[in-house]
PDB file of N, CA and C in Angstrom:
ATOM      1  N   UNK A   1      18.247  -0.623  29.354  1.00  0.00           N
ATOM      2  CA  UNK A   1      18.580   0.790  29.234  1.00  0.00           C
ATOM      3  C   UNK A   1      17.520   1.657  29.903  1.00  0.00           C
ATOM      4  N   UNK A   2      16.289   1.163  29.939  1.00  0.00           N
ATOM      5  CA  UNK A   2      15.239   1.969  30.560  1.00  0.00           C
ATOM      6  C   UNK A   2      15.457   2.137  32.059  1.00  0.00           C
ATOM      7  N   UNK A   3      16.019   1.142  32.701  1.00  0.00           N
ATOM      8  CA  UNK A   3      16.297   1.280  34.142  1.00  0.00           C
ATOM      9  C   UNK A   3      17.304   2.412  34.383  1.00  0.00           C
ATOM     10  N   UNK A   4      18.312   2.483  33.535  1.00  0.00           N
ATOM     11  CA  UNK A   4      19.299   3.550  33.649  1.00  0.00           C
ATOM     12  C   UNK A   4      18.653   4.897  33.332  1.00  0.00           C
ATOM     13  N   UNK A   5      17.676   4.899  32.436  1.00  0.00           N
ATOM     14  CA  UNK A   5      16.947   6.139  32.137  1.00  0.00           C
ATOM     15  C   UNK A   5      16.152   6.611  33.352  1.00  0.00           C
ATOM     16  N   UNK A   6      15.582   5.674  34.105  1.00  0.00           N
ATOM     17  CA  UNK A   6      14.862   6.064  35.330  1.00  0.00           C
ATOM     18  C   UNK A   6      15.832   6.611  36.389  1.00  0.00           C
ATOM     19  N   UNK A   7      17.017   6.034  36.456  1.00  0.00           N
ATOM     20  CA  UNK A   7      18.041   6.571  37.358  1.00  0.00           C
ATOM     21  C   UNK A   7      18.416   7.984  36.906  1.00  0.00           C
ATOM     22  N   UNK A   8      18.547   8.174  35.597  1.00  0.00           N
ATOM     23  CA  UNK A   8      18.884   9.498  35.052  1.00  0.00           C
ATOM     24  C   UNK A   8      17.790  10.516  35.371  1.00  0.00           C
ATOM     25  N   UNK A   9      16.550  10.087  35.302  1.00  0.00           N
ATOM     26  CA  UNK A   9      15.440  10.978  35.627  1.00  0.00           C
ATOM     27  C   UNK A   9      15.514  11.425  37.084  1.00  0.00           C
ATOM     28  N   UNK A  10      15.710  10.478  37.980  1.00  0.00           N
ATOM     29  CA  UNK A  10      15.843  10.796  39.408  1.00  0.00           C
ATOM     30  C   UNK A  10      17.062  11.679  39.661  1.00  0.00           C
ATOM     31  N   UNK A  11      18.183  11.309  39.091  1.00  0.00           N
ATOM     32  CA  UNK A  11      19.451  12.039  39.249  1.00  0.00           C
ATOM     33  C   UNK A  11      19.310  13.452  38.688  1.00  0.00           C
ATOM     34  N   UNK A  12      18.658  13.567  37.536  1.00  0.00           N
ATOM     35  CA  UNK A  12      18.481  14.865  36.894  1.00  0.00           C
ATOM     36  C   UNK A  12      17.616  15.814  37.701  1.00  0.00           C
ATOM     37  N   UNK A  13      16.700  15.272  38.481  1.00  0.00           N
ATOM     38  CA  UNK A  13      15.879  16.096  39.368  1.00  0.00           C
ATOM     39  C   UNK A  13      16.645  16.412  40.645  1.00  0.00           C
ATOM     40  N   UNK A  14      17.306  15.408  41.194  1.00  0.00           N
ATOM     41  CA  UNK A  14      18.009  15.553  42.468  1.00  0.00           C
ATOM     42  C   UNK A  14      19.190  16.520  42.388  1.00  0.00           C
ATOM     43  N   UNK A  15      19.948  16.454  41.318  1.00  0.00           N
ATOM     44  CA  UNK A  15      21.180  17.237  41.196  1.00  0.00           C
ATOM     45  C   UNK A  15      20.949  18.746  41.325  1.00  0.00           C
ATOM     46  N   UNK A  16      20.045  19.347  40.552  1.00  0.00           N
ATOM     47  CA  UNK A  16      19.849  20.792  40.725  1.00  0.00           C
ATOM     48  C   UNK A  16      19.234  21.169  42.071  1.00  0.00           C
ATOM     49  N   UNK A  17      18.417  20.279  42.627  1.00  0.00           N
ATOM     50  CA  UNK A  17      17.833  20.557  43.941  1.00  0.00           C
ATOM     51  C   UNK A  17      18.932  20.617  45.002  1.00  0.00           C
ATOM     52  N   UNK A  18      19.817  19.624  44.992  1.00  0.00           N
ATOM     53  CA  UNK A  18      20.922  19.611  45.959  1.00  0.00           C
ATOM     54  C   UNK A  18      21.839  20.824  45.789  1.00  0.00           C
ATOM     55  N   UNK A  19      22.119  21.168  44.544  1.00  0.00           N
ATOM     56  CA  UNK A  19      23.000  22.309  44.283  1.00  0.00           C
ATOM     57  C   UNK A  19      22.352  23.615  44.738  1.00  0.00           C
ATOM     58  N   UNK A  20      21.058  23.745  44.545  1.00  0.00           N
ATOM     59  CA  UNK A  20      20.350  24.948  44.987  1.00  0.00           C
ATOM     60  C   UNK A  20      20.368  25.057  46.506  1.00  0.00           C
ATOM     61  N   UNK A  21      20.130  23.939  47.185  1.00  0.00           N
ATOM     62  CA  UNK A  21      20.170  23.937  48.649  1.00  0.00           C
ATOM     63  C   UNK A  21      21.573  24.294  49.137  1.00  0.00           C
ATOM     64  N   UNK A  22      22.581  23.696  48.511  1.00  0.00           N
ATOM     65  CA  UNK A  22      23.967  23.904  48.931  1.00  0.00           C
ATOM     66  C   UNK A  22      24.409  25.351  48.765  1.00  0.00           C
ATOM     67  N   UNK A  23      23.983  25.987  47.689  1.00  0.00           N
ATOM     68  CA  UNK A  23      24.452  27.346  47.403  1.00  0.00           C
ATOM     69  C   UNK A  23      23.381  28.409  47.627  1.00  0.00           C
ATOM     70  N   UNK A  24      22.341  28.077  48.368  1.00  0.00           N
ATOM     71  CA  UNK A  24      21.247  29.028  48.596  1.00  0.00           C
ATOM     72  C   UNK A  24      21.779  30.338  49.172  1.00  0.00           C
ATOM     73  N   UNK A  25      21.523  31.436  48.472  1.00  0.00           N
ATOM     74  CA  UNK A  25      21.949  32.753  48.929  1.00  0.00           C
ATOM     75  C   UNK A  25      23.423  33.033  48.735  1.00  0.00           C
ATOM     76  N   UNK A  26      24.147  32.144  48.056  1.00  0.00           N
ATOM     77  CA  UNK A  26      25.597  32.297  47.889  1.00  0.00           C
ATOM     78  C   UNK A  26      26.011  32.185  46.422  1.00  0.00           C
ATOM     79  N   UNK A  27      25.204  32.746  45.557  1.00  0.00           N
ATOM     80  CA  UNK A  27      25.525  32.651  44.134  1.00  0.00           C
ATOM     81  C   UNK A  27      26.702  33.575  43.838  1.00  0.00           C
ATOM     82  N   UNK A  28      27.764  32.965  43.359  1.00  0.00           N
ATOM     83  CA  UNK A  28      28.963  33.721  42.994  1.00  0.00           C
ATOM     84  C   UNK A  28      29.112  33.705  41.487  1.00  0.00           C
ATOM     85  N   UNK A  29      30.051  32.936  41.031  1.00  0.00           N
ATOM     86  CA  UNK A  29      30.321  32.789  39.609  1.00  0.00           C
ATOM     87  C   UNK A  29      29.212  31.932  39.000  1.00  0.00           C
ATOM     88  N   UNK A  30      28.396  32.521  38.154  1.00  0.00           N
ATOM     89  CA  UNK A  30      27.182  31.886  37.647  1.00  0.00           C
ATOM     90  C   UNK A  30      27.402  30.512  36.996  1.00  0.00           C
ATOM     91  N   UNK A  31      28.435  30.303  36.172  1.00  0.00           N
ATOM     92  CA  UNK A  31      28.636  28.965  35.602  1.00  0.00           C
ATOM     93  C   UNK A  31      28.836  27.865  36.652  1.00  0.00           C
ATOM     94  N   UNK A  32      29.402  28.211  37.810  1.00  0.00           N
ATOM     95  CA  UNK A  32      29.546  27.220  38.883  1.00  0.00           C
ATOM     96  C   UNK A  32      28.195  26.790  39.430  1.00  0.00           C
ATOM     97  N   UNK A  33      27.236  27.638  39.324  1.00  0.00           N
ATOM     98  CA  UNK A  33      25.895  27.359  39.847  1.00  0.00           C
ATOM     99  C   UNK A  33      25.031  26.650  38.808  1.00  0.00           C
ATOM    100  N   UNK A  34      25.180  27.061  37.556  1.00  0.00           N
ATOM    101  CA  UNK A  34      24.289  26.558  36.507  1.00  0.00           C
ATOM    102  C   UNK A  34      24.688  25.202  35.933  1.00  0.00           C
ATOM    103  N   UNK A  35      25.907  24.756  36.166  1.00  0.00           N
ATOM    104  CA  UNK A  35      26.343  23.495  35.561  1.00  0.00           C
ATOM    105  C   UNK A  35      25.460  22.325  35.973  1.00  0.00           C
ATOM    106  N   UNK A  36      25.085  22.267  37.239  1.00  0.00           N
ATOM    107  CA  UNK A  36      24.227  21.171  37.686  1.00  0.00           C
ATOM    108  C   UNK A  36      22.809  21.283  37.116  1.00  0.00           C
ATOM    109  N   UNK A  37      22.362  22.499  36.903  1.00  0.00           N
ATOM    110  CA  UNK A  37      21.040  22.697  36.283  1.00  0.00           C
ATOM    111  C   UNK A  37      21.066  22.246  34.820  1.00  0.00           C
ATOM    112  N   UNK A  38      22.154  22.546  34.121  1.00  0.00           N
ATOM    113  CA  UNK A  38      22.279  22.137  32.722  1.00  0.00           C
ATOM    114  C   UNK A  38      22.375  20.614  32.628  1.00  0.00           C
ATOM    115  N   UNK A  39      23.213  20.008  33.453  1.00  0.00           N
ATOM    116  CA  UNK A  39      23.349  18.548  33.456  1.00  0.00           C
ATOM    117  C   UNK A  39      22.016  17.897  33.826  1.00  0.00           C
ATOM    118  N   UNK A  40      21.336  18.429  34.824  1.00  0.00           N
ATOM    119  CA  UNK A  40      20.039  17.897  35.226  1.00  0.00           C
ATOM    120  C   UNK A  40      19.024  17.976  34.107  1.00  0.00           C
ATOM    121  N   UNK A  41      18.978  19.102  33.419  1.00  0.00           N
ATOM    122  CA  UNK A  41      18.042  19.278  32.302  1.00  0.00           C
ATOM    123  C   UNK A  41      18.333  18.287  31.178  1.00  0.00           C
ATOM    124  N   UNK A  42      19.600  18.116  30.851  1.00  0.00           N
ATOM    125  CA  UNK A  42      19.973  17.148  29.805  1.00  0.00           C
ATOM    126  C   UNK A  42      19.591  15.721  30.204  1.00  0.00           C
ATOM    127  N   UNK A  43      19.889  15.348  31.448  1.00  0.00           N
ATOM    128  CA  UNK A  43      19.557  13.998  31.912  1.00  0.00           C
ATOM    129  C   UNK A  43      18.046  13.757  31.881  1.00  0.00           C
ATOM    130  N   UNK A  44      17.276  14.715  32.357  1.00  0.00           N
ATOM    131  CA  UNK A  44      15.815  14.571  32.355  1.00  0.00           C
ATOM    132  C   UNK A  44      15.297  14.455  30.918  1.00  0.00           C
ATOM    133  N   UNK A  45      15.783  15.317  30.038  1.00  0.00           N
ATOM    134  CA  UNK A  45      15.321  15.316  28.644  1.00  0.00           C
ATOM    135  C   UNK A  45      15.589  13.980  27.969  1.00  0.00           C
ATOM    136  N   UNK A  46      16.834  13.513  28.032  1.00  0.00           N
ATOM    137  CA  UNK A  46      17.160  12.267  27.346  1.00  0.00           C
ATOM    138  C   UNK A  46      16.575  11.045  28.050  1.00  0.00           C
ATOM    139  N   UNK A  47      16.442  11.097  29.361  1.00  0.00           N
ATOM    140  CA  UNK A  47      15.792   9.992  30.074  1.00  0.00           C
ATOM    141  C   UNK A  47      14.345   9.851  29.622  1.00  0.00           C
ATOM    142  N   UNK A  48      13.642  10.966  29.497  1.00  0.00           N
ATOM    143  CA  UNK A  48      12.243  10.908  29.060  1.00  0.00           C
ATOM    144  C   UNK A  48      12.118  10.415  27.624  1.00  0.00           C
ATOM    145  N   UNK A  49      13.049  10.804  26.765  1.00  0.00           N
ATOM    146  CA  UNK A  49      13.020  10.315  25.382  1.00  0.00           C
ATOM    147  C   UNK A  49      13.226   8.805  25.351  1.00  0.00           C
ATOM    148  N   UNK A  50      14.170   8.312  26.152  1.00  0.00           N
ATOM    149  CA  UNK A  50      14.409   6.861  26.206  1.00  0.00           C
ATOM    150  C   UNK A  50      13.194   6.146  26.781  1.00  0.00           C
ATOM    151  N   UNK A  51      12.632   6.677  27.863  1.00  0.00           N
ATOM    152  CA  UNK A  51      11.494   6.023  28.520  1.00  0.00           C
ATOM    153  C   UNK A  51      10.247   6.037  27.637  1.00  0.00           C
ATOM    154  N   UNK A  52       9.937   7.179  27.057  1.00  0.00           N
ATOM    155  CA  UNK A  52       8.687   7.329  26.306  1.00  0.00           C
ATOM    156  C   UNK A  52       8.806   6.822  24.877  1.00  0.00           C
ATOM    157  N   UNK A  53       9.875   7.201  24.181  1.00  0.00           N
ATOM    158  CA  UNK A  53       9.991   6.879  22.752  1.00  0.00           C
ATOM    159  C   UNK A  53      10.936   5.722  22.457  1.00  0.00           C
ATOM    160  N   UNK A  54      11.623   5.231  23.476  1.00  0.00           N
ATOM    161  CA  UNK A  54      12.528   4.094  23.325  1.00  0.00           C
ATOM    162  C   UNK A  54      13.617   4.359  22.277  1.00  0.00           C
ATOM    163  N   UNK A  55      14.168   5.555  22.325  1.00  0.00           N
ATOM    164  CA  UNK A  55      15.284   5.911  21.432  1.00  0.00           C
ATOM    165  C   UNK A  55      16.162   6.951  22.116  1.00  0.00           C
ATOM    166  N   UNK A  56      17.178   7.453  21.424  1.00  0.00           N
ATOM    167  CA  UNK A  56      18.125   8.453  21.930  1.00  0.00           C
ATOM    168  C   UNK A  56      19.043   7.886  23.014  1.00  0.00           C
ATOM    169  N   UNK A  57      19.391   6.611  22.874  1.00  0.00           N
ATOM    170  CA  UNK A  57      20.282   5.973  23.843  1.00  0.00           C
ATOM    171  C   UNK A  57      21.648   6.656  23.884  1.00  0.00           C
ATOM    172  N   UNK A  58      22.167   7.004  22.710  1.00  0.00           N
ATOM    173  CA  UNK A  58      23.478   7.643  22.660  1.00  0.00           C
ATOM    174  C   UNK A  58      23.464   9.001  23.360  1.00  0.00           C
ATOM    175  N   UNK A  59      22.355   9.697  23.284  1.00  0.00           N
ATOM    176  CA  UNK A  59      22.235  10.968  23.987  1.00  0.00           C
ATOM    177  C   UNK A  59      22.300  10.785  25.492  1.00  0.00           C
ATOM    178  N   UNK A  60      21.671   9.724  25.971  1.00  0.00           N
ATOM    179  CA  UNK A  60      21.707   9.444  27.408  1.00  0.00           C
ATOM    180  C   UNK A  60      23.118   9.045  27.848  1.00  0.00           C
ATOM    181  N   UNK A  61      23.792   8.274  27.014  1.00  0.00           N
ATOM    182  CA  UNK A  61      25.180   7.913  27.310  1.00  0.00           C
ATOM    183  C   UNK A  61      26.037   9.181  27.379  1.00  0.00           C
ATOM    184  N   UNK A  62      25.835  10.086  26.438  1.00  0.00           N
ATOM    185  CA  UNK A  62      26.582  11.349  26.440  1.00  0.00           C
ATOM    186  C   UNK A  62      26.294  12.156  27.705  1.00  0.00           C
ATOM    187  N   UNK A  63      25.042  12.172  28.142  1.00  0.00           N
ATOM    188  CA  UNK A  63      24.686  12.892  29.373  1.00  0.00           C
ATOM    189  C   UNK A  63      25.410  12.329  30.580  1.00  0.00           C
ATOM    190  N   UNK A  64      25.492  11.002  30.661  1.00  0.00           N
ATOM    191  CA  UNK A  64      26.226  10.398  31.780  1.00  0.00           C
ATOM    192  C   UNK A  64      27.708  10.737  31.691  1.00  0.00           C
ATOM    193  N   UNK A  65      28.236  10.849  30.482  1.00  0.00           N
ATOM    194  CA  UNK A  65      29.630  11.263  30.310  1.00  0.00           C
ATOM    195  C   UNK A  65      29.853  12.694  30.789  1.00  0.00           C
ATOM    196  N   UNK A  66      28.919  13.571  30.458  1.00  0.00           N
ATOM    197  CA  UNK A  66      29.012  14.964  30.903  1.00  0.00           C
ATOM    198  C   UNK A  66      28.920  15.035  32.428  1.00  0.00           C
ATOM    199  N   UNK A  67      27.994  14.282  33.007  1.00  0.00           N
ATOM    200  CA  UNK A  67      27.836  14.268  34.468  1.00  0.00           C
ATOM    201  C   UNK A  67      29.105  13.734  35.140  1.00  0.00           C
ATOM    202  N   UNK A  68      29.676  12.668  34.591  1.00  0.00           N
ATOM    203  CA  UNK A  68      30.911  12.104  35.157  1.00  0.00           C
ATOM    204  C   UNK A  68      32.053  13.105  35.084  1.00  0.00           C
ATOM    205  N   UNK A  69      32.192  13.747  33.958  1.00  0.00           N
ATOM    206  CA  UNK A  69      33.244  14.743  33.795  1.00  0.00           C
ATOM    207  C   UNK A  69      33.062  15.926  34.729  1.00  0.00           C
ATOM    208  N   UNK A  70      31.841  16.375  34.882  1.00  0.00           N
ATOM    209  CA  UNK A  70      31.558  17.493  35.778  1.00  0.00           C
ATOM    210  C   UNK A  70      31.854  17.155  37.225  1.00  0.00           C
ATOM    211  N   UNK A  71      31.528  15.944  37.609  1.00  0.00           N
ATOM    212  CA  UNK A  71      31.757  15.552  38.995  1.00  0.00           C
ATOM    213  C   UNK A  71      33.209  15.212  39.286  1.00  0.00           C
ATOM    214  N   UNK A  72      33.999  14.984  38.262  1.00  0.00           N
ATOM    215  CA  UNK A  72      35.425  14.744  38.481  1.00  0.00           C
ATOM    216  C   UNK A  72      36.042  15.947  39.192  1.00  0.00           C
ATOM    217  N   UNK A  73      35.899  17.108  38.592  1.00  0.00           N
ATOM    218  CA  UNK A  73      36.471  18.317  39.193  1.00  0.00           C
ATOM    219  C   UNK A  73      35.773  18.660  40.512  1.00  0.00           C
ATOM    220  N   UNK A  74      34.463  18.559  40.526  1.00  0.00           N
ATOM    221  CA  UNK A  74      33.695  18.908  41.715  1.00  0.00           C
ATOM    222  C   UNK A  74      34.119  18.075  42.927  1.00  0.00           C
ATOM    223  N   UNK A  75      34.244  16.763  42.723  1.00  0.00           N
ATOM    224  CA  UNK A  75      34.628  15.879  43.817  1.00  0.00           C
ATOM    225  C   UNK A  75      36.038  16.178  44.309  1.00  0.00           C
ATOM    226  N   UNK A  76      36.988  16.260  43.378  1.00  0.00           N
ATOM    227  CA  UNK A  76      38.373  16.439  43.796  1.00  0.00           C
ATOM    228  C   UNK A  76      38.648  17.824  44.368  1.00  0.00           C
ATOM    229  N   UNK A  77      37.921  18.844  43.915  1.00  0.00           N
ATOM    230  CA  UNK A  77      38.099  20.162  44.543  1.00  0.00           C
ATOM    231  C   UNK A  77      37.501  20.156  45.952  1.00  0.00           C
ATOM    232  N   UNK A  78      36.403  19.446  46.156  1.00  0.00           N
ATOM    233  CA  UNK A  78      35.840  19.317  47.507  1.00  0.00           C
ATOM    234  C   UNK A  78      36.754  18.494  48.410  1.00  0.00           C
ATOM    235  N   UNK A  79      37.371  17.460  47.845  1.00  0.00           N
ATOM    236  CA  UNK A  79      38.325  16.657  48.607  1.00  0.00           C
ATOM    237  C   UNK A  79      39.497  17.525  49.067  1.00  0.00           C
ATOM    238  N   UNK A  80      40.004  18.363  48.181  1.00  0.00           N
ATOM    239  CA  UNK A  80      41.112  19.249  48.536  1.00  0.00           C
ATOM    240  C   UNK A  80      40.676  20.250  49.612  1.00  0.00           C
ATOM    241  N   UNK A  81      39.485  20.815  49.466  1.00  0.00           N
ATOM    242  CA  UNK A  81      38.968  21.761  50.465  1.00  0.00           C
ATOM    243  C   UNK A  81      38.836  21.082  51.819  1.00  0.00           C
ATOM    244  N   UNK A  82      38.294  19.866  51.826  1.00  0.00           N
ATOM    245  CA  UNK A  82      38.087  19.138  53.081  1.00  0.00           C
ATOM    246  C   UNK A  82      39.415  18.770  53.747  1.00  0.00           C
ATOM    247  N   UNK A  83      40.349  18.231  52.964  1.00  0.00           N
ATOM    248  CA  UNK A  83      41.616  17.783  53.547  1.00  0.00           C
ATOM    249  C   UNK A  83      42.497  18.947  54.003  1.00  0.00           C
ATOM    250  N   UNK A  84      42.274  20.131  53.439  1.00  0.00           N
ATOM    251  CA  UNK A  84      43.066  21.289  53.871  1.00  0.00           C
ATOM    252  C   UNK A  84      42.387  22.059  55.005  1.00  0.00           C
ATOM    253  N   UNK A  85      41.237  21.538  55.471  1.00  0.00           N
ATOM    254  CA  UNK A  85      40.548  22.181  56.585  1.00  0.00           C
ATOM    255  C   UNK A  85      39.677  23.348  56.186  1.00  0.00           C
ATOM    256  N   UNK A  86      39.451  23.503  54.893  1.00  0.00           N
ATOM    257  CA  UNK A  86      38.631  24.607  54.409  1.00  0.00           C
ATOM    258  C   UNK A  86      37.143  24.365  54.610  1.00  0.00           C
ATOM    259  N   UNK A  87      36.364  25.361  54.242  1.00  0.00           N
ATOM    260  CA  UNK A  87      34.916  25.293  54.372  1.00  0.00           C
ATOM    261  C   UNK A  87      34.279  25.297  52.999  1.00  0.00           C
ATOM    262  N   UNK A  88      33.311  24.442  52.789  1.00  0.00           N
ATOM    263  CA  UNK A  88      32.565  24.386  51.535  1.00  0.00           C
ATOM    264  C   UNK A  88      31.793  25.691  51.351  1.00  0.00           C
ATOM    265  N   UNK A  89      31.452  25.995  50.101  1.00  0.00           N
ATOM    266  CA  UNK A  89      30.686  27.204  49.795  1.00  0.00           C
ATOM    267  C   UNK A  89      29.355  27.238  50.563  1.00  0.00           C
ATOM    268  N   UNK A  90      28.858  26.080  50.947  1.00  0.00           N
ATOM    269  CA  UNK A  90      27.617  26.004  51.709  1.00  0.00           C
ATOM    270  C   UNK A  90      27.814  26.422  53.159  1.00  0.00           C
ATOM    271  N   UNK A  91      29.069  26.533  53.557  1.00  0.00           N
ATOM    272  CA  UNK A  91      29.377  26.857  54.945  1.00  0.00           C
ATOM    273  C   UNK A  91      29.610  25.620  55.793  1.00  0.00           C
ATOM    274  N   UNK A  92      29.438  24.460  55.200  1.00  0.00           N
ATOM    275  CA  UNK A  92      29.601  23.189  55.911  1.00  0.00           C
ATOM    276  C   UNK A  92      31.078  22.818  55.944  1.00  0.00           C
ATOM    277  N   UNK A  93      31.571  22.504  57.123  1.00  0.00           N
ATOM    278  CA  UNK A  93      32.990  22.176  57.280  1.00  0.00           C
ATOM    279  C   UNK A  93      33.253  20.672  57.377  1.00  0.00           C
ATOM    280  N   UNK A  94      32.250  19.872  57.653  1.00  0.00           N
ATOM    281  CA  UNK A  94      32.426  18.439  57.810  1.00  0.00           C
ATOM    282  C   UNK A  94      32.485  17.703  56.483  1.00  0.00           C
ATOM    283  N   UNK A  95      32.496  16.376  56.538  1.00  0.00           N
ATOM    284  CA  UNK A  95      32.639  15.565  55.328  1.00  0.00           C
ATOM    285  C   UNK A  95      31.330  15.334  54.556  1.00  0.00           C
ATOM    286  N   UNK A  96      30.211  15.874  55.008  1.00  0.00           N
ATOM    287  CA  UNK A  96      28.916  15.582  54.378  1.00  0.00           C
ATOM    288  C   UNK A  96      28.894  15.905  52.891  1.00  0.00           C
ATOM    289  N   UNK A  97      29.329  17.104  52.523  1.00  0.00           N
ATOM    290  CA  UNK A  97      29.324  17.510  51.111  1.00  0.00           C
ATOM    291  C   UNK A  97      30.226  16.591  50.299  1.00  0.00           C
ATOM    292  N   UNK A  98      31.373  16.258  50.835  1.00  0.00           N
ATOM    293  CA  UNK A  98      32.311  15.372  50.151  1.00  0.00           C
ATOM    294  C   UNK A  98      31.701  13.987  49.936  1.00  0.00           C
ATOM    295  N   UNK A  99      31.036  13.468  50.937  1.00  0.00           N
ATOM    296  CA  UNK A  99      30.398  12.146  50.818  1.00  0.00           C
ATOM    297  C   UNK A  99      29.290  12.161  49.768  1.00  0.00           C
ATOM    298  N   UNK A 100      28.468  13.188  49.773  1.00  0.00           N
ATOM    299  CA  UNK A 100      27.388  13.303  48.780  1.00  0.00           C
ATOM    300  C   UNK A 100      27.973  13.392  47.375  1.00  0.00           C
ATOM    301  N   UNK A 101      29.009  14.214  47.214  1.00  0.00           N
ATOM    302  CA  UNK A 101      29.641  14.333  45.894  1.00  0.00           C
ATOM    303  C   UNK A 101      30.278  13.018  45.458  1.00  0.00           C
ATOM    304  N   UNK A 102      30.876  12.284  46.392  1.00  0.00           N
ATOM    305  CA  UNK A 102      31.481  10.995  46.057  1.00  0.00           C
ATOM    306  C   UNK A 102      30.415  10.020  45.564  1.00  0.00           C
ATOM    307  N   UNK A 103      29.266  10.000  46.228  1.00  0.00           N
ATOM    308  CA  UNK A 103      28.168   9.113  45.817  1.00  0.00           C
ATOM    309  C   UNK A 103      27.661   9.507  44.434  1.00  0.00           C
ATOM    310  N   UNK A 104      27.440  10.801  44.221  1.00  0.00           N
ATOM    311  CA  UNK A 104      26.948  11.259  42.918  1.00  0.00           C
ATOM    312  C   UNK A 104      27.961  10.976  41.806  1.00  0.00           C
ATOM    313  N   UNK A 105      29.242  11.157  42.090  1.00  0.00           N
ATOM    314  CA  UNK A 105      30.303  10.873  41.124  1.00  0.00           C
ATOM    315  C   UNK A 105      30.314   9.386  40.780  1.00  0.00           C
ATOM    316  N   UNK A 106      30.232   8.548  41.788  1.00  0.00           N
ATOM    317  CA  UNK A 106      30.236   7.103  41.585  1.00  0.00           C
ATOM    318  C   UNK A 106      29.011   6.646  40.788  1.00  0.00           C
ATOM    319  N   UNK A 107      27.847   7.169  41.112  1.00  0.00           N
ATOM    320  CA  UNK A 107      26.621   6.816  40.373  1.00  0.00           C
ATOM    321  C   UNK A 107      26.762   7.218  38.908  1.00  0.00           C
ATOM    322  N   UNK A 108      27.286   8.407  38.653  1.00  0.00           N
ATOM    323  CA  UNK A 108      27.451   8.861  37.270  1.00  0.00           C
ATOM    324  C   UNK A 108      28.398   7.954  36.493  1.00  0.00           C
ATOM    325  N   UNK A 109      29.507   7.563  37.109  1.00  0.00           N
ATOM    326  CA  UNK A 109      30.470   6.678  36.436  1.00  0.00           C
ATOM    327  C   UNK A 109      29.846   5.305  36.173  1.00  0.00           C
ATOM    328  N   UNK A 110      29.181   4.751  37.170  1.00  0.00           N
ATOM    329  CA  UNK A 110      28.543   3.433  36.998  1.00  0.00           C
ATOM    330  C   UNK A 110      27.499   3.486  35.888  1.00  0.00           C
ATOM    331  N   UNK A 111      26.664   4.521  35.887  1.00  0.00           N
ATOM    332  CA  UNK A 111      25.631   4.628  34.854  1.00  0.00           C
ATOM    333  C   UNK A 111      26.229   4.860  33.475  1.00  0.00           C
ATOM    334  N   UNK A 112      27.340   5.588  33.401  1.00  0.00           N
ATOM    335  CA  UNK A 112      28.027   5.772  32.117  1.00  0.00           C
ATOM    336  C   UNK A 112      28.510   4.429  31.586  1.00  0.00           C
ATOM    337  N   UNK A 113      29.184   3.672  32.418  1.00  0.00           N
ATOM    338  CA  UNK A 113      29.723   2.376  31.994  1.00  0.00           C
ATOM    339  C   UNK A 113      28.581   1.418  31.625  1.00  0.00           C
ATOM    340  N   UNK A 114      27.572   1.336  32.477  1.00  0.00           N
ATOM    341  CA  UNK A 114      26.456   0.429  32.196  1.00  0.00           C
ATOM    342  C   UNK A 114      25.706   0.822  30.936  1.00  0.00           C
ATOM    343  N   UNK A 115      25.423   2.104  30.790  1.00  0.00           N
ATOM    344  CA  UNK A 115      24.647   2.524  29.618  1.00  0.00           C
ATOM    345  C   UNK A 115      25.436   2.349  28.326  1.00  0.00           C
ATOM    346  N   UNK A 116      26.748   2.412  28.411  1.00  0.00           N
ATOM    347  CA  UNK A 116      27.574   2.228  27.216  1.00  0.00           C
ATOM    348  C   UNK A 116      27.799   0.759  26.878  1.00  0.00           C
ATOM    349  N   UNK A 117      27.564  -0.140  27.838  1.00  0.00           N
ATOM    350  CA  UNK A 117      27.875  -1.549  27.590  1.00  0.00           C
ATOM    351  C   UNK A 117      26.665  -2.469  27.564  1.00  0.00           C
ATOM    352  N   UNK A 118      25.547  -2.052  28.118  1.00  0.00           N
ATOM    353  CA  UNK A 118      24.360  -2.919  28.145  1.00  0.00           C
ATOM    354  C   UNK A 118      23.776  -3.053  26.746  1.00  0.00           C
ATOM    355  N   UNK A 119      23.402  -4.256  26.410  1.00  0.00           N
ATOM    356  CA  UNK A 119      22.713  -4.494  25.151  1.00  0.00           C
ATOM    357  C   UNK A 119      21.292  -3.977  25.295  1.00  0.00           C
ATOM    358  N   UNK A 120      20.905  -3.061  24.440  1.00  0.00           N
ATOM    359  CA  UNK A 120      19.589  -2.433  24.564  1.00  0.00           C
ATOM    360  C   UNK A 120      18.451  -3.438  24.504  1.00  0.00           C
ATOM    361  N   UNK A 121      18.525  -4.375  23.607  1.00  0.00           N
ATOM    362  CA  UNK A 121      17.435  -5.340  23.455  1.00  0.00           C
ATOM    363  C   UNK A 121      17.229  -6.136  24.741  1.00  0.00           C
ATOM    364  N   UNK A 122      18.298  -6.631  25.316  1.00  0.00           N
ATOM    365  CA  UNK A 122      18.206  -7.418  26.537  1.00  0.00           C
ATOM    366  C   UNK A 122      17.624  -6.588  27.684  1.00  0.00           C
ATOM    367  N   UNK A 123      18.068  -5.341  27.831  1.00  0.00           N
ATOM    368  CA  UNK A 123      17.602  -4.473  28.924  1.00  0.00           C
ATOM    369  C   UNK A 123      16.137  -4.098  28.723  1.00  0.00           C
ATOM    370  N   UNK A 124      15.718  -3.839  27.511  1.00  0.00           N
ATOM    371  CA  UNK A 124      14.362  -3.375  27.263  1.00  0.00           C
ATOM    372  C   UNK A 124      13.305  -4.469  27.371  1.00  0.00           C
ATOM    373  N   UNK A 125      13.710  -5.712  27.399  1.00  0.00           N
ATOM    374  CA  UNK A 125      12.738  -6.801  27.523  1.00  0.00           C
ATOM    375  C   UNK A 125      12.353  -7.105  28.943  1.00  0.00           C
ATOM    376  N   UNK A 126      13.031  -6.518  29.925  1.00  0.00           N
ATOM    377  CA  UNK A 126      12.737  -6.784  31.334  1.00  0.00           C
ATOM    378  C   UNK A 126      11.739  -5.806  31.890  1.00  0.00           C
TER     379      UNK A 126
END
């Protein structure tokens, strides 16, 4: 479980940074901007609790669930924008944003499944 916590720590830092770069100077509807910051903060918080105190596993699982759910809409709305020839809020018209979102969505789903199914004792002994 600690390995997944380290992934959560990295992901929690990366997510708000990428979102800030993508929407730099284009803040519209505030909840669309802050969702990645909230998810990042939750992931960092629970990852550190798992890493340092070796507890709060269920909280980390919940964070991966929130991240997966958030990226569901984000990915598919970007897919629709891309396939209809639209432009991302970042101004980017190519598939780059879609590819990044697909990777982040996939990582969140994999970490959700792994964190919910890995035996903590076995993972923590490595």
